[in-house]
Amino acid sequence: MKSMTGYGLAELQTEDLSASAEIKSYNNRYLDIVISYPPFLSALEIPVREFLTGHCRRGRLEVALRYKEFRAAITVSLNKEAVKAYWDAVKECAGLLGISKDPDISMILNLEGVLESEKTRDTEKARSALMPLLEKAFFQFDTDRSREGEHTYNDIISHIESLEKSWILINSRSYEMETILKNNVRQRFEELLAGRIDENRILSETAALLLKSTISEELSRLDAHLKEFRSEAERNPSPGKKLDFICQEINREINTIGSKSVIVEVSKETVNMKNALENIREQLRNVE
């Protein structure tokens, strides 16, 4: 079991370059990957996305790739049209002001659009530096998620144990519930018929009432759901969605048992079960 929140960072610093890969994640119902990188590294988006989707199932992942070369070759080009336009405009302005001196060339060169520069970057060199960094950052990130996931797992299992104890208690009182129902039916007939008991009618009414009010089926299904929850939590590395569904089924059985209860202790126990289940569902919001 892994948490959906984690953090990882890997950096590289040499005489020629500086690079880093950073991963952080938050809770999200589905897998949502957001990657930020310099424009010239756009070719890396697909392999980075494929790497992450191969290792994560849910959560919002924010990935930042940073890369800087210190000795990259620079190509400088002169925009001749811009130079001429600026030159003519400055000379015209000088003429209007009565200044005969020619414009300062350094001033022209500093104007926008006159000089255009572009660094010659080796994208394969950048890829060779960043992809190993991404793997290192992910290892740290995944270790962080696993550590948090272990704490979450232990907490969830403690609540499952609480549910199992409640199940045992309620199951031990289920026969008592049926006895109370049978006695209630007989008492009503005695009150209505003033002692003239029709055993067949009582048995018929009791059977009909037990069919509606017995909790044996709910207990059986609840037991199966609890066992399935444990199994799924132990064997599935990304059980979040499945466990959430099982919780819905568990909640349905608890509600039905509570609505049928005629014993105060059983009713109280269903309230305890709902509290435990709510704690589990709260924790599952952070499980991958």
Protein backbone atom coordinates (compact mmCIF):
# COMPACT_ATOMS: atom_id res chain seq x y z
CA MET A 1 0.00 0.00 0.00
CA LYS A 2 1.36 3.40 -1.02
CA SER A 3 0.35 6.94 -0.24
CA MET A 4 -0.61 9.31 -3.05
CA THR A 5 1.55 12.05 -1.52
CA GLY A 6 5.31 12.05 -1.82
CA TYR A 7 8.36 14.07 -2.78
CA GLY A 8 11.62 13.37 -4.57
CA LEU A 9 14.51 15.50 -5.84
CA ALA A 10 17.71 14.61 -7.70
CA GLU A 11 20.34 17.12 -8.82
CA LEU A 12 23.49 17.12 -10.94
CA GLN A 13 26.16 19.82 -11.00
CA THR A 14 29.28 19.74 -13.21
CA GLU A 15 31.58 22.30 -14.81
CA ASP A 16 29.48 22.15 -17.97
CA LEU A 17 25.91 21.93 -16.73
CA SER A 18 23.37 22.07 -13.94
CA ALA A 19 20.34 19.77 -13.99
CA SER A 20 17.61 18.59 -11.64
CA ALA A 21 14.42 16.51 -11.58
CA GLU A 22 11.76 17.14 -8.95
CA ILE A 23 8.58 15.12 -8.30
CA LYS A 24 5.79 15.90 -5.86
CA SER A 25 2.28 14.52 -5.72
CA TYR A 26 -1.11 15.15 -4.15
CA ASN A 27 -4.36 13.25 -3.69
CA ASN A 28 -6.42 12.81 -6.82
CA ARG A 29 -9.07 10.32 -7.87
CA TYR A 30 -7.27 9.58 -11.13
CA LEU A 31 -3.70 9.83 -12.44
CA ASP A 32 -2.95 13.40 -13.50
CA ILE A 33 0.61 14.23 -14.60
CA VAL A 34 1.80 17.81 -15.05
CA ILE A 35 5.34 18.27 -16.44
CA SER A 36 7.24 21.57 -16.61
CA TYR A 37 10.45 21.89 -18.62
CA PRO A 38 12.38 24.35 -20.82
CA PRO A 39 10.89 24.58 -24.34
CA PHE A 40 13.86 22.91 -26.01
CA LEU A 41 13.23 19.76 -23.91
CA SER A 42 9.72 19.15 -25.27
CA ALA A 43 10.86 15.85 -26.79
CA LEU A 44 11.32 14.49 -23.26
CA GLU A 45 7.65 14.81 -22.30
CA ILE A 46 6.56 11.49 -23.85
CA PRO A 47 9.30 9.30 -22.27
CA VAL A 48 8.84 11.04 -18.90
CA ARG A 49 5.08 10.54 -19.03
CA GLU A 50 5.48 6.88 -20.05
CA PHE A 51 7.91 6.29 -17.18
CA LEU A 52 5.53 7.76 -14.62
CA THR A 53 2.38 6.04 -15.90
CA GLY A 54 4.27 2.76 -15.69
CA HIS A 55 4.85 3.24 -11.97
CA CYS A 56 1.85 5.22 -10.66
CA ARG A 57 -1.89 4.55 -10.71
CA ARG A 58 -3.49 7.54 -8.99
CA GLY A 59 -2.63 11.04 -7.78
CA ARG A 60 -1.69 14.39 -9.22
CA LEU A 61 2.02 14.34 -10.07
CA GLU A 62 3.88 17.59 -10.64
CA VAL A 63 7.24 17.07 -12.30
CA ALA A 64 9.80 19.84 -12.85
CA LEU A 65 12.81 19.28 -15.13
CA ARG A 66 15.54 21.94 -15.04
CA TYR A 67 18.60 22.06 -17.27
CA LYS A 68 21.29 24.68 -17.86
CA GLU A 69 24.51 24.49 -19.88
CA PHE A 70 27.35 26.84 -18.95
CA ARG A 71 29.43 26.44 -22.12
CA ALA A 72 26.77 26.14 -24.76
CA ALA A 73 27.67 27.64 -28.15
CA ILE A 74 25.78 30.83 -28.97
CA THR A 75 24.80 31.95 -32.48
CA VAL A 76 24.28 35.71 -32.87
CA SER A 77 22.55 37.22 -35.89
CA LEU A 78 21.93 40.84 -36.89
CA ASN A 79 18.45 41.98 -37.92
CA LYS A 80 19.44 44.35 -40.75
CA GLU A 81 15.93 45.69 -41.32
CA ALA A 82 15.61 46.59 -37.62
CA VAL A 83 19.05 48.29 -37.62
CA LYS A 84 18.18 50.44 -40.64
CA ALA A 85 14.77 51.37 -39.25
CA TYR A 86 16.22 52.37 -35.87
CA TRP A 87 19.11 54.28 -37.52
CA ASP A 88 16.82 56.28 -39.78
CA ALA A 89 14.45 57.04 -36.91
CA VAL A 90 17.25 58.23 -34.62
CA LYS A 91 18.77 60.43 -37.38
CA GLU A 92 15.37 61.92 -38.12
CA CYS A 93 14.88 62.65 -34.42
CA ALA A 94 18.34 64.28 -34.29
CA GLY A 95 17.44 66.43 -37.28
CA LEU A 96 14.26 67.62 -35.62
CA LEU A 97 16.26 68.61 -32.57
CA GLY A 98 18.98 70.29 -34.62
CA ILE A 99 21.66 67.80 -33.65
CA SER A 100 24.18 66.98 -36.38
CA LYS A 101 26.00 64.16 -34.57
CA ASP A 102 25.37 60.61 -35.85
CA PRO A 103 23.67 58.13 -33.50
CA ASP A 104 25.82 56.03 -31.13
CA ILE A 105 26.11 52.54 -32.61
CA SER A 106 26.13 50.93 -29.13
CA MET A 107 22.76 52.51 -28.45
CA ILE A 108 21.37 50.97 -31.65
CA LEU A 109 22.72 47.53 -30.73
CA ASN A 110 20.93 47.61 -27.38
CA LEU A 111 17.53 48.24 -28.93
CA GLU A 112 15.00 45.41 -29.04
CA GLY A 113 15.18 43.09 -32.03
CA VAL A 114 18.53 44.29 -33.38
CA LEU A 115 20.62 41.38 -32.13
CA GLU A 116 19.12 37.90 -31.97
CA SER A 117 20.97 35.15 -30.11
CA GLU A 118 20.32 31.45 -29.83
CA LYS A 119 22.11 28.83 -27.78
CA THR A 120 23.02 25.63 -29.55
CA ARG A 121 21.84 22.93 -27.16
CA ASP A 122 22.53 19.22 -27.33
CA THR A 123 19.13 17.65 -26.56
CA GLU A 124 20.60 14.16 -26.39
CA LYS A 125 23.11 15.33 -23.80
CA ALA A 126 20.24 16.86 -21.83
CA ARG A 127 18.26 13.61 -22.07
CA SER A 128 21.25 11.58 -20.89
CA ALA A 129 21.52 13.81 -17.83
CA LEU A 130 17.85 14.21 -16.96
CA MET A 131 16.40 10.71 -17.38
CA PRO A 132 18.75 9.12 -14.80
CA LEU A 133 17.95 12.05 -12.49
CA LEU A 134 14.23 11.40 -12.98
CA GLU A 135 14.74 7.76 -11.94
CA LYS A 136 16.69 8.81 -8.84
CA ALA A 137 14.05 11.37 -7.90
CA PHE A 138 11.33 8.78 -8.41
CA PHE A 139 13.11 6.28 -6.17
CA GLN A 140 13.18 8.88 -3.38
CA PHE A 141 9.58 9.85 -4.16
CA ASP A 142 8.41 6.22 -4.15
CA THR A 143 10.25 5.47 -0.91
CA ASP A 144 8.47 8.43 0.65
CA ARG A 145 5.11 7.13 -0.59
CA SER A 146 5.81 3.63 0.70
CA ARG A 147 6.81 4.86 4.15
CA GLU A 148 3.65 6.95 4.45
CA GLY A 149 1.62 4.09 2.99
CA GLU A 150 2.86 1.70 5.68
CA HIS A 151 1.63 4.03 8.42
CA THR A 152 -1.71 4.36 6.65
CA TYR A 153 -1.99 0.58 6.23
CA ASN A 154 -1.36 -0.04 9.95
CA ASP A 155 -3.98 2.53 10.91
CA ILE A 156 -6.55 1.09 8.48
CA ILE A 157 -5.97 -2.45 9.70
CA SER A 158 -6.47 -1.33 13.30
CA HIS A 159 -9.94 -0.08 12.30
CA ILE A 160 -10.64 -3.30 10.39
CA GLU A 161 -9.83 -5.21 13.58
CA SER A 162 -12.33 -3.00 15.39
CA LEU A 163 -14.96 -3.87 12.78
CA GLU A 164 -14.19 -7.56 13.16
CA LYS A 165 -14.60 -7.38 16.94
CA SER A 166 -17.94 -5.63 16.47
CA TRP A 167 -18.98 -8.32 14.01
CA ILE A 168 -18.20 -11.02 16.59
CA LEU A 169 -20.24 -9.24 19.25
CA ILE A 170 -23.24 -8.68 16.96
CA ASN A 171 -23.08 -12.22 15.65
CA SER A 172 -23.16 -13.53 19.22
CA ARG A 173 -26.38 -11.56 19.83
CA SER A 174 -28.10 -12.47 16.55
CA TYR A 175 -29.83 -15.54 18.07
CA GLU A 176 -31.02 -13.36 20.94
CA MET A 177 -32.48 -10.93 18.43
CA GLU A 178 -34.45 -13.73 16.78
CA THR A 179 -35.72 -14.93 20.16
CA ILE A 180 -36.90 -11.42 21.02
CA LEU A 181 -38.72 -11.19 17.70
CA LYS A 182 -40.44 -14.55 18.26
CA ASN A 183 -41.50 -13.56 21.77
CA ASN A 184 -42.81 -10.24 20.52
CA VAL A 185 -44.99 -12.01 17.93
CA ARG A 186 -46.39 -14.43 20.51
CA GLN A 187 -47.05 -11.61 22.98
CA ARG A 188 -48.99 -9.64 20.38
CA PHE A 189 -51.15 -12.63 19.50
CA GLU A 190 -51.87 -13.28 23.16
CA GLU A 191 -52.92 -9.67 23.63
CA LEU A 192 -55.12 -9.67 20.54
CA LEU A 193 -56.67 -13.11 20.96
CA ALA A 194 -56.96 -13.08 24.74
CA GLY A 195 -55.23 -16.40 25.25
CA ARG A 196 -56.77 -18.25 22.25
CA ILE A 197 -53.46 -19.16 20.64
CA ASP A 198 -53.26 -20.40 17.07
CA GLU A 199 -49.80 -21.98 16.93
CA ASN A 200 -49.82 -22.33 13.14
CA ARG A 201 -50.66 -18.67 12.73
CA ILE A 202 -47.95 -17.69 15.19
CA LEU A 203 -45.39 -19.81 13.37
CA SER A 204 -46.43 -18.33 10.05
CA GLU A 205 -46.21 -14.75 11.27
CA THR A 206 -42.93 -15.42 13.04
CA ALA A 207 -41.42 -16.90 9.88
CA ALA A 208 -42.53 -13.89 7.84
CA LEU A 209 -41.13 -11.46 10.41
CA LEU A 210 -37.85 -13.31 10.73
CA LEU A 211 -37.50 -13.30 6.97
CA LYS A 212 -37.63 -9.51 7.04
CA SER A 213 -35.81 -8.91 10.31
CA THR A 214 -33.07 -11.52 10.64
CA ILE A 215 -29.52 -10.24 10.15
CA SER A 216 -27.83 -13.55 9.35
CA GLU A 217 -27.43 -12.72 5.65
CA GLU A 218 -26.08 -9.25 6.41
CA LEU A 219 -23.59 -10.71 8.88
CA SER A 220 -22.49 -13.29 6.34
CA ARG A 221 -21.95 -10.67 3.64
CA LEU A 222 -20.24 -8.32 6.09
CA ASP A 223 -17.83 -11.07 7.11
CA ALA A 224 -17.03 -11.73 3.44
CA HIS A 225 -16.44 -8.02 2.77
CA LEU A 226 -14.08 -7.68 5.74
CA LYS A 227 -12.06 -10.69 4.60
CA GLU A 228 -11.95 -9.35 1.04
CA PHE A 229 -10.79 -5.96 2.34
CA ARG A 230 -7.89 -7.55 4.23
CA SER A 231 -6.90 -9.66 1.22
CA GLU A 232 -7.02 -6.71 -1.17
CA ALA A 233 -5.02 -4.46 1.17
CA GLU A 234 -2.32 -7.12 1.58
CA ARG A 235 -1.85 -8.28 -2.01
CA ASN A 236 -2.79 -5.31 -4.23
CA PRO A 237 -0.04 -2.65 -4.51
CA SER A 238 -2.59 -0.04 -5.61
CA PRO A 239 -5.81 -1.00 -3.82
CA GLY A 240 -7.33 2.45 -3.25
CA LYS A 241 -10.26 2.29 -5.71
CA LYS A 242 -11.15 -1.33 -4.88
CA LEU A 243 -11.02 -0.74 -1.12
CA ASP A 244 -13.24 2.30 -1.46
CA PHE A 245 -15.82 0.17 -3.27
CA ILE A 246 -15.63 -2.52 -0.58
CA CYS A 247 -16.20 0.17 2.06
CA GLN A 248 -19.43 1.11 0.31
CA GLU A 249 -20.59 -2.51 0.56
CA ILE A 250 -19.57 -2.71 4.22
CA ASN A 251 -21.46 0.49 4.96
CA ARG A 252 -24.58 -0.92 3.31
CA GLU A 253 -24.54 -4.02 5.53
CA ILE A 254 -23.90 -1.99 8.70
CA ASN A 255 -26.84 0.30 7.92
CA THR A 256 -29.15 -2.66 7.34
CA ILE A 257 -28.08 -4.36 10.58
CA GLY A 258 -28.63 -1.12 12.46
CA SER A 259 -32.12 -0.67 11.01
CA LYS A 260 -33.11 -4.23 12.02
CA SER A 261 -31.60 -4.15 15.51
CA VAL A 262 -33.92 -4.64 18.49
CA ILE A 263 -31.08 -4.75 21.03
CA VAL A 264 -29.52 -1.58 22.40
CA GLU A 265 -26.03 -3.09 22.53
CA VAL A 266 -26.22 -4.09 18.85
CA SER A 267 -27.40 -0.60 17.88
CA LYS A 268 -24.50 0.94 19.79
CA GLU A 269 -22.09 -1.43 18.11
CA THR A 270 -23.30 -0.44 14.64
CA VAL A 271 -22.56 3.19 15.56
CA ASN A 272 -19.02 2.17 16.54
CA MET A 273 -18.68 0.33 13.25
CA LYS A 274 -19.76 3.40 11.29
CA ASN A 275 -17.15 5.50 13.10
CA ALA A 276 -14.42 2.96 12.34
CA LEU A 277 -15.50 2.75 8.72
CA GLU A 278 -15.50 6.54 8.35
CA ASN A 279 -11.91 6.62 9.64
CA ILE A 280 -10.96 3.99 7.07
CA ARG A 281 -12.58 5.91 4.23
CA GLU A 282 -10.81 9.07 5.33
CA GLN A 283 -7.47 7.29 5.16
CA LEU A 284 -8.26 5.73 1.79
CA ARG A 285 -8.45 9.18 0.23
CA ASN A 286 -4.66 9.19 0.39
CA VAL A 287 -4.10 5.60 -0.81
CA GLU A 288 -2.98 4.96 -4.38
